[in-house]
Amino acid sequence: MTDLSAFPITRRWPAQHPDRIQLYSLPTPNGVKVSIMLEETGLAYEPHTINIGANESWTPEFLSLNPNGKIPAIIDPDGPGGKPLGLFESGAILLYLAEKTGKLLPADAARRMEAIQWVFFQMGGIGPIFGQLGYFHKFAGREIEDKRPLERYRAESQRLLGVLETRLEGRDWIMGDEYSIADIASLGWVRNINGFYGAGELVEWDKLKRVPAWLERGLARPAVQRGLEIPKRP
């Protein structure tokens, strides 16, 4: 049996199946990237719910795996060289799992880098900007009288959706006919704009054609449907 005792996080969230990838997450837009990826690739894994509302990601055990205190994070008991590997940052985990399985990342070197750049586009743009829009539109930011921050993130969110809309011209997926980690990275975030954040009207969602169709195709995938619900919410 694989020994994961070197990882302090397993003391708080014990592994019942230590031979499987251990997923520490919550079904947020960042969290579902990894659960969807694991479902798409068919890798055996064991999910652990991290209640971020109860600040569980700031406990010493979680911070021992991710010093940045954010979900998701994983432990792969069969990492490089057959040794256990702990990993955080959703984009890095997507890339790692794609390379581990040889799935959802183009094999051609140029197209591989093209897909990775779109993952970075999500990590550096869509995620942070959409998250700020959600904050200022739906959460505590609504109480701020100065509406310039909301307008800033509204305009930038709309611009980013426009970039994606242009990219999807003549394409079913971000990489064309090939569904990849570029799509998985962005699906949860784009879903949130017109869903959880309720900001569709702000970003003029109804004027988009390709992005909603792409989102619908993505959400129709069985692995995506399963991944959106993993781990169970507290």
Protein backbone atom coordinates (compact mmCIF):
# COMPACT_ATOMS: atom_id res chain seq x y z
CA MET A 1 0.00 0.00 0.00
CA THR A 2 1.23 3.48 -0.88
CA ASP A 3 2.48 5.47 2.10
CA LEU A 4 1.36 9.11 2.07
CA SER A 5 2.26 9.81 5.69
CA ALA A 6 4.96 12.28 4.61
CA PHE A 7 2.12 14.65 3.63
CA PRO A 8 0.67 16.32 6.76
CA ILE A 9 -2.58 17.04 4.94
CA THR A 10 -3.45 13.34 5.09
CA ARG A 11 -3.66 13.54 8.89
CA ARG A 12 -6.66 15.85 8.68
CA TRP A 13 -8.10 14.33 5.51
CA PRO A 14 -7.04 10.65 5.66
CA ALA A 15 -6.69 8.72 2.42
CA GLN A 16 -8.99 5.72 2.30
CA HIS A 17 -7.44 4.77 -1.04
CA PRO A 18 -3.82 5.98 -0.90
CA ASP A 19 -3.04 4.35 -4.23
CA ARG A 20 -5.35 6.88 -5.93
CA ILE A 21 -4.80 10.56 -6.68
CA GLN A 22 -5.92 12.57 -3.68
CA LEU A 23 -7.97 15.64 -4.64
CA TYR A 24 -8.46 18.45 -2.11
CA SER A 25 -11.02 20.80 -3.54
CA LEU A 26 -14.51 22.32 -3.70
CA PRO A 27 -16.71 22.76 -6.79
CA THR A 28 -15.74 26.36 -7.49
CA PRO A 29 -14.68 27.53 -10.98
CA ASN A 30 -11.06 26.75 -10.09
CA GLY A 31 -11.84 23.54 -8.25
CA VAL A 32 -13.93 21.95 -10.98
CA LYS A 33 -11.11 22.26 -13.50
CA VAL A 34 -9.34 19.38 -11.80
CA SER A 35 -12.39 17.23 -11.03
CA ILE A 36 -13.51 17.58 -14.66
CA MET A 37 -10.01 16.69 -15.85
CA LEU A 38 -9.89 13.63 -13.62
CA GLU A 39 -13.31 12.52 -14.87
CA GLU A 40 -12.32 13.11 -18.49
CA THR A 41 -9.09 11.13 -18.21
CA GLY A 42 -10.51 8.27 -16.16
CA LEU A 43 -7.75 8.42 -13.56
CA ALA A 44 -8.62 6.86 -10.21
CA TYR A 45 -8.91 9.51 -7.53
CA GLU A 46 -10.29 10.18 -4.07
CA PRO A 47 -11.93 13.57 -3.48
CA HIS A 48 -11.74 15.43 -0.18
CA THR A 49 -14.03 18.40 0.48
CA ILE A 50 -12.19 21.50 1.66
CA ASN A 51 -14.69 23.86 3.25
CA ILE A 52 -13.29 27.24 2.29
CA GLY A 53 -16.22 28.93 4.01
CA ALA A 54 -14.87 27.50 7.27
CA ASN A 55 -11.32 28.57 6.33
CA GLU A 56 -10.12 24.97 6.06
CA SER A 57 -7.72 25.97 3.29
CA TRP A 58 -5.85 28.09 5.85
CA THR A 59 -5.25 25.23 8.29
CA PRO A 60 -1.63 24.10 8.83
CA GLU A 61 -2.42 20.76 7.21
CA PHE A 62 -3.71 22.30 3.99
CA LEU A 63 -0.97 24.92 3.90
CA SER A 64 1.60 22.13 4.09
CA LEU A 65 0.46 21.11 0.59
CA ASN A 66 -0.40 24.55 -0.79
CA PRO A 67 1.30 27.44 1.02
CA ASN A 68 -0.95 29.81 -0.95
CA GLY A 69 -4.00 28.50 0.87
CA LYS A 70 -6.18 27.99 -2.20
CA ILE A 71 -8.01 25.02 -3.64
CA PRO A 72 -7.54 22.79 -5.58
CA ALA A 73 -4.48 20.73 -4.72
CA ILE A 74 -3.58 17.10 -5.33
CA ILE A 75 -1.25 14.35 -4.26
CA ASP A 76 -0.39 11.84 -6.95
CA PRO A 77 0.95 8.67 -5.27
CA ASP A 78 2.44 7.65 -8.62
CA GLY A 79 4.28 10.80 -9.57
CA PRO A 80 7.45 11.16 -11.64
CA GLY A 81 9.79 8.26 -11.00
CA GLY A 82 7.01 6.46 -9.16
CA LYS A 83 7.31 8.79 -6.17
CA PRO A 84 4.38 10.68 -4.61
CA LEU A 85 3.99 14.24 -5.85
CA GLY A 86 2.06 17.08 -4.25
CA LEU A 87 0.89 19.82 -6.57
CA PHE A 88 -1.15 23.03 -6.38
CA GLU A 89 -2.37 25.70 -8.85
CA SER A 90 -5.19 24.47 -11.09
CA GLY A 91 -3.43 25.31 -14.36
CA ALA A 92 -0.31 23.42 -13.33
CA ILE A 93 -2.43 20.43 -12.29
CA LEU A 94 -4.25 20.43 -15.64
CA LEU A 95 -0.95 20.42 -17.50
CA TYR A 96 0.50 17.72 -15.25
CA LEU A 97 -2.50 15.40 -15.68
CA ALA A 98 -2.55 15.98 -19.44
CA GLU A 99 1.11 15.03 -19.71
CA LYS A 100 0.69 12.09 -17.34
CA THR A 101 -2.12 10.58 -19.41
CA GLY A 102 -1.27 11.85 -22.89
CA LYS A 103 -4.83 13.19 -23.12
CA LEU A 104 -6.49 16.56 -23.74
CA LEU A 105 -3.29 18.28 -24.90
CA PRO A 106 -2.16 18.24 -28.55
CA ALA A 107 0.84 16.04 -29.25
CA ASP A 108 2.24 18.41 -31.88
CA ALA A 109 4.73 20.73 -30.17
CA ALA A 110 3.41 23.95 -31.71
CA ARG A 111 -0.24 23.12 -31.01
CA ARG A 112 0.69 22.00 -27.51
CA MET A 113 2.08 25.45 -26.76
CA GLU A 114 -0.93 27.06 -28.39
CA ALA A 115 -3.24 25.17 -26.02
CA ILE A 116 -1.09 26.06 -23.02
CA GLN A 117 -1.24 29.75 -23.91
CA TRP A 118 -5.05 29.60 -23.71
CA VAL A 119 -4.79 27.97 -20.29
CA PHE A 120 -2.59 30.91 -19.26
CA PHE A 121 -5.19 33.26 -20.80
CA GLN A 122 -7.71 31.85 -18.37
CA MET A 123 -5.34 31.83 -15.40
CA GLY A 124 -4.14 35.40 -15.91
CA GLY A 125 -7.29 36.98 -17.30
CA ILE A 126 -10.63 35.22 -17.15
CA GLY A 127 -10.25 33.84 -13.62
CA PRO A 128 -9.05 36.93 -11.76
CA ILE A 129 -11.19 39.40 -13.70
CA PHE A 130 -14.43 37.40 -13.60
CA GLY A 131 -13.85 36.79 -9.90
CA GLN A 132 -13.55 40.52 -9.24
CA LEU A 133 -16.66 41.20 -11.30
CA GLY A 134 -18.51 38.67 -9.18
CA TYR A 135 -17.27 40.34 -6.01
CA PHE A 136 -18.28 43.86 -6.99
CA HIS A 137 -21.58 42.83 -8.61
CA LYS A 138 -22.93 40.12 -6.29
CA PHE A 139 -21.06 40.19 -3.02
CA ALA A 140 -19.65 42.82 -0.64
CA GLY A 141 -18.57 45.13 -3.42
CA ARG A 142 -22.21 46.06 -3.99
CA GLU A 143 -22.03 48.18 -0.84
CA ILE A 144 -19.25 50.35 -2.26
CA GLU A 145 -20.68 53.65 -3.46
CA ASP A 146 -17.88 54.25 -5.95
CA LYS A 147 -18.90 52.17 -8.96
CA ARG A 148 -15.65 52.64 -10.86
CA PRO A 149 -14.23 49.29 -9.70
CA LEU A 150 -17.37 47.47 -10.88
CA GLU A 151 -17.24 49.25 -14.22
CA ARG A 152 -13.55 48.42 -14.64
CA TYR A 153 -14.13 44.69 -14.13
CA ARG A 154 -17.35 44.72 -16.14
CA ALA A 155 -15.59 46.26 -19.13
CA GLU A 156 -12.62 43.93 -18.89
CA SER A 157 -14.84 40.86 -18.47
CA GLN A 158 -16.79 41.87 -21.56
CA ARG A 159 -13.55 42.37 -23.46
CA LEU A 160 -12.25 38.93 -22.46
CA LEU A 161 -15.49 37.30 -23.54
CA GLY A 162 -15.02 39.10 -26.84
CA VAL A 163 -11.55 37.60 -27.21
CA LEU A 164 -13.03 34.15 -26.65
CA GLU A 165 -15.90 34.88 -29.03
CA THR A 166 -13.42 35.79 -31.77
CA ARG A 167 -11.25 32.74 -31.08
CA LEU A 168 -14.25 30.42 -31.45
CA GLU A 169 -15.11 31.63 -34.95
CA GLY A 170 -15.19 28.49 -37.10
CA ARG A 171 -14.21 26.34 -34.11
CA ASP A 172 -16.20 24.04 -31.83
CA TRP A 173 -13.49 24.20 -29.18
CA ILE A 174 -10.70 26.63 -28.37
CA MET A 175 -8.25 24.41 -30.24
CA GLY A 176 -10.62 23.74 -33.13
CA ASP A 177 -11.98 20.21 -33.39
CA GLU A 178 -9.90 19.12 -30.41
CA TYR A 179 -11.41 19.49 -26.93
CA SER A 180 -8.55 20.15 -24.52
CA ILE A 181 -7.39 21.57 -21.20
CA ALA A 182 -7.82 25.01 -22.78
CA ASP A 183 -11.58 24.43 -22.69
CA ILE A 184 -11.60 22.77 -19.27
CA ALA A 185 -9.76 25.75 -17.77
CA SER A 186 -12.43 28.25 -18.82
CA LEU A 187 -15.72 26.35 -18.72
CA GLY A 188 -16.45 26.83 -15.02
CA TRP A 189 -15.60 30.52 -15.06
CA VAL A 190 -17.68 31.34 -18.13
CA ARG A 191 -20.55 29.33 -16.67
CA ASN A 192 -20.43 31.50 -13.55
CA ILE A 193 -20.76 34.81 -15.39
CA ASN A 194 -24.30 34.19 -16.55
CA GLY A 195 -25.10 31.79 -13.73
CA PHE A 196 -23.84 32.14 -10.16
CA TYR A 197 -22.70 35.75 -10.56
CA GLY A 198 -25.85 36.79 -12.41
CA ALA A 199 -23.84 39.24 -14.48
CA GLY A 200 -25.07 38.24 -17.92
CA GLU A 201 -26.85 41.53 -18.55
CA LEU A 202 -23.82 43.52 -17.41
CA VAL A 203 -21.50 41.86 -19.94
CA GLU A 204 -24.15 41.74 -22.67
CA TRP A 205 -24.15 37.96 -22.75
CA ASP A 206 -27.12 37.89 -25.15
CA LYS A 207 -24.99 39.56 -27.84
CA LEU A 208 -22.58 36.61 -27.84
CA LYS A 209 -23.20 33.66 -30.15
CA ARG A 210 -20.15 31.40 -30.18
CA VAL A 211 -19.30 31.52 -26.48
CA PRO A 212 -22.77 30.38 -25.31
CA ALA A 213 -22.76 27.59 -27.91
CA TRP A 214 -19.27 26.49 -26.79
CA LEU A 215 -20.39 26.54 -23.17
CA GLU A 216 -23.44 24.46 -23.98
CA ARG A 217 -21.29 21.88 -25.77
CA GLY A 218 -18.93 21.72 -22.83
CA LEU A 219 -21.65 21.40 -20.21
CA ALA A 220 -23.25 18.57 -22.21
CA ARG A 221 -20.19 16.37 -21.73
CA PRO A 222 -20.90 13.64 -19.13
CA ALA A 223 -17.48 14.06 -17.51
CA VAL A 224 -18.10 17.80 -17.14
CA GLN A 225 -21.51 17.18 -15.58
CA ARG A 226 -19.95 14.83 -13.04
CA GLY A 227 -16.94 17.03 -12.35
CA LEU A 228 -19.09 20.06 -11.60
CA GLU A 229 -20.47 18.25 -8.53
CA ILE A 230 -17.17 16.95 -7.12
CA PRO A 231 -16.30 17.06 -4.27
CA LYS A 232 -19.61 17.23 -2.45
CA ARG A 233 -20.31 20.63 -0.96
CA PRO A 234 -20.24 20.80 2.86
